[in-house]
Amino acid sequence: MLNVKKCALASALLVEALAPGIAAAALGEPQDSVQADVARLGGSIQVTGHDNYQLHEIRLPTGTLLREFVGADGRVFAVAWNGPTIPNLRQALGRYFDAYAAAAGAKHSGHSQLRVTRSDLVVQSSGHMRAFAGHAYLPQAVPNGVSIGELR
């Protein structure tokens, strides 16, 4: 059973790395490309304003919901996902993907979930076939007054 979970996580990481681009601006980057990507991929987007950020909820054609949290500075400070497939985390995490991939490749307990905690990045990912969820955020970029619990 443990090997099956380990294989599932390795497969999910491979899919993330090789999947085509998703409708998202990358973590820590400006949000400008979101609308064009949504139109190109046939996804749908809903934007909701909150006190300290905007929430962009993108429904991918696969049924996965990708949420981007954009601060007042126009940069994505967090992303979250849930659904039957894992979005392309290389795209969603941008320059932070390599840190995530290195942690995923390192020995850790539990193969159906992964947590990366660094001073500049927090990622939590879990799931199994057709039920994946996770979130990533930049601790230093989370606006004042925003609770980490909101970033899911």
Protein backbone atom coordinates (compact mmCIF):
# COMPACT_ATOMS: atom_id res chain seq x y z
CA MET A 1 0.00 0.00 0.00
CA LEU A 2 2.82 2.40 0.85
CA ASN A 3 4.44 1.86 -2.56
CA VAL A 4 1.12 2.60 -4.26
CA LYS A 5 0.86 5.96 -2.44
CA LYS A 6 4.51 6.75 -3.22
CA CYS A 7 3.93 5.92 -6.87
CA ALA A 8 0.76 8.06 -6.95
CA LEU A 9 2.66 11.07 -5.55
CA ALA A 10 5.52 10.56 -8.03
CA SER A 11 3.01 10.31 -10.88
CA ALA A 12 1.24 13.45 -9.74
CA LEU A 13 4.54 15.36 -9.68
CA LEU A 14 5.37 14.12 -13.18
CA VAL A 15 1.95 15.24 -14.45
CA GLU A 16 2.46 18.65 -12.82
CA ALA A 17 5.83 19.09 -14.46
CA LEU A 18 4.75 18.03 -17.93
CA ALA A 19 1.20 19.43 -18.11
CA PRO A 20 0.45 22.32 -20.46
CA GLY A 21 0.11 25.84 -19.04
CA ILE A 22 -2.86 26.60 -16.85
CA ALA A 23 -4.99 29.68 -16.51
CA ALA A 24 -2.97 31.35 -13.82
CA ALA A 25 -0.41 33.92 -12.98
CA ALA A 26 2.46 32.40 -11.02
CA LEU A 27 2.95 32.78 -7.28
CA GLY A 28 4.77 36.03 -6.55
CA GLU A 29 4.22 37.36 -10.07
CA PRO A 30 1.82 39.99 -11.48
CA GLN A 31 -1.68 38.85 -12.37
CA ASP A 32 -1.83 40.34 -15.91
CA SER A 33 -1.97 37.09 -17.94
CA VAL A 34 -4.92 35.51 -16.17
CA GLN A 35 -7.74 36.68 -18.48
CA ALA A 36 -5.96 35.71 -21.71
CA ASP A 37 -5.12 32.26 -20.36
CA VAL A 38 -8.69 31.69 -19.17
CA ALA A 39 -10.06 32.54 -22.65
CA ARG A 40 -7.45 30.40 -24.45
CA LEU A 41 -8.16 27.33 -22.33
CA GLY A 42 -11.93 27.66 -22.19
CA GLY A 43 -11.95 28.04 -18.42
CA SER A 44 -14.22 30.33 -16.48
CA ILE A 45 -13.23 32.91 -13.92
CA GLN A 46 -14.96 34.71 -11.10
CA VAL A 47 -13.29 37.59 -9.28
CA THR A 48 -14.37 38.57 -5.79
CA GLY A 49 -13.08 41.57 -3.88
CA HIS A 50 -12.14 41.20 -0.22
CA ASP A 51 -10.86 43.78 2.24
CA ASN A 52 -7.16 43.21 1.57
CA TYR A 53 -7.07 41.18 -1.66
CA GLN A 54 -8.91 39.96 -4.73
CA LEU A 55 -9.80 36.31 -5.14
CA HIS A 56 -9.67 34.92 -8.69
CA GLU A 57 -11.49 31.57 -8.86
CA ILE A 58 -10.73 29.76 -12.07
CA ARG A 59 -12.68 26.64 -13.06
CA LEU A 60 -10.41 24.60 -15.32
CA PRO A 61 -11.92 22.36 -18.04
CA THR A 62 -10.89 19.35 -15.93
CA GLY A 63 -13.24 20.46 -13.14
CA THR A 64 -10.43 21.56 -10.84
CA LEU A 65 -10.93 24.89 -9.10
CA LEU A 66 -7.80 27.05 -8.89
CA ARG A 67 -7.92 30.05 -6.58
CA GLU A 68 -5.43 32.91 -6.83
CA PHE A 69 -5.12 35.50 -4.10
CA VAL A 70 -3.93 38.85 -5.46
CA GLY A 71 -2.78 41.63 -3.15
CA ALA A 72 -3.29 45.36 -3.59
CA ASP A 73 0.09 45.47 -5.37
CA GLY A 74 -1.31 43.24 -8.16
CA ARG A 75 0.89 40.26 -7.27
CA VAL A 76 -0.26 36.73 -6.50
CA PHE A 77 0.61 36.02 -2.86
CA ALA A 78 -1.18 32.65 -2.59
CA VAL A 79 -2.73 29.93 -4.72
CA ALA A 80 -5.02 27.07 -3.73
CA TRP A 81 -6.59 24.21 -5.65
CA ASN A 82 -9.01 21.34 -5.28
CA GLY A 83 -10.57 18.94 -7.71
CA PRO A 84 -10.15 15.75 -9.69
CA THR A 85 -6.76 16.73 -11.14
CA ILE A 86 -3.72 18.59 -9.91
CA PRO A 87 -3.17 21.83 -11.81
CA ASN A 88 0.21 22.43 -13.40
CA LEU A 89 2.09 23.41 -10.26
CA ARG A 90 5.17 24.37 -12.24
CA GLN A 91 3.06 27.21 -13.68
CA ALA A 92 1.12 28.01 -10.50
CA LEU A 93 4.19 28.06 -8.24
CA GLY A 94 6.46 29.73 -10.80
CA ARG A 95 9.97 30.27 -9.48
CA TYR A 96 9.03 28.46 -6.24
CA PHE A 97 8.31 25.16 -8.01
CA ASP A 98 11.88 23.85 -7.69
CA ALA A 99 11.76 24.18 -3.89
CA TYR A 100 8.47 22.27 -3.87
CA ALA A 101 9.82 19.56 -6.18
CA ALA A 102 12.98 19.15 -4.08
CA ALA A 103 10.90 18.68 -0.93
CA ALA A 104 8.65 16.20 -2.72
CA GLY A 105 11.70 14.19 -3.76
CA ALA A 106 13.18 14.17 -0.24
CA LYS A 107 12.36 11.40 2.19
CA HIS A 108 9.33 12.27 4.30
CA SER A 109 6.61 10.50 6.21
CA GLY A 110 3.21 10.11 4.61
CA HIS A 111 3.07 9.81 0.84
CA SER A 112 -0.44 11.11 0.25
CA GLN A 113 0.44 14.55 1.54
CA LEU A 114 3.37 16.89 1.38
CA ARG A 115 4.19 20.00 3.37
CA VAL A 116 6.99 22.44 2.61
CA THR A 117 7.68 25.12 5.21
CA ARG A 118 10.37 27.67 4.49
CA SER A 119 10.73 31.31 5.49
CA ASP A 120 9.77 32.39 1.96
CA LEU A 121 7.28 29.64 0.99
CA VAL A 122 4.66 27.35 2.51
CA VAL A 123 3.05 24.60 0.40
CA GLN A 124 0.66 21.89 1.48
CA SER A 125 -0.57 19.35 -1.03
CA SER A 126 -2.58 16.19 -0.49
CA GLY A 127 -4.93 13.83 -2.19
CA HIS A 128 -5.44 10.73 -4.21
CA MET A 129 -6.87 9.87 -7.62
CA ARG A 130 -9.72 12.30 -8.50
CA ALA A 131 -9.48 14.19 -5.19
CA PHE A 132 -6.55 16.58 -4.91
CA ALA A 133 -6.23 19.73 -2.81
CA GLY A 134 -3.52 22.09 -1.71
CA HIS A 135 -2.39 25.62 -1.18
CA ALA A 136 0.80 27.63 -1.35
CA TYR A 137 1.58 31.08 -0.05
CA LEU A 138 4.41 33.52 0.46
CA PRO A 139 4.42 34.34 4.21
CA GLN A 140 6.11 37.72 3.73
CA ALA A 141 3.57 38.77 1.06
CA VAL A 142 0.33 37.91 2.90
CA PRO A 143 -1.44 41.25 3.50
CA ASN A 144 -1.97 42.44 7.06
CA GLY A 145 -5.31 41.27 8.41
CA VAL A 146 -5.53 38.19 6.15
CA SER A 147 -5.67 34.92 8.04
CA ILE A 148 -3.78 31.92 6.65
CA GLY A 149 -7.05 29.95 6.99
CA GLU A 150 -8.58 32.14 4.25
CA LEU A 151 -5.96 30.92 1.75
CA ARG A 152 -7.62 27.62 0.89
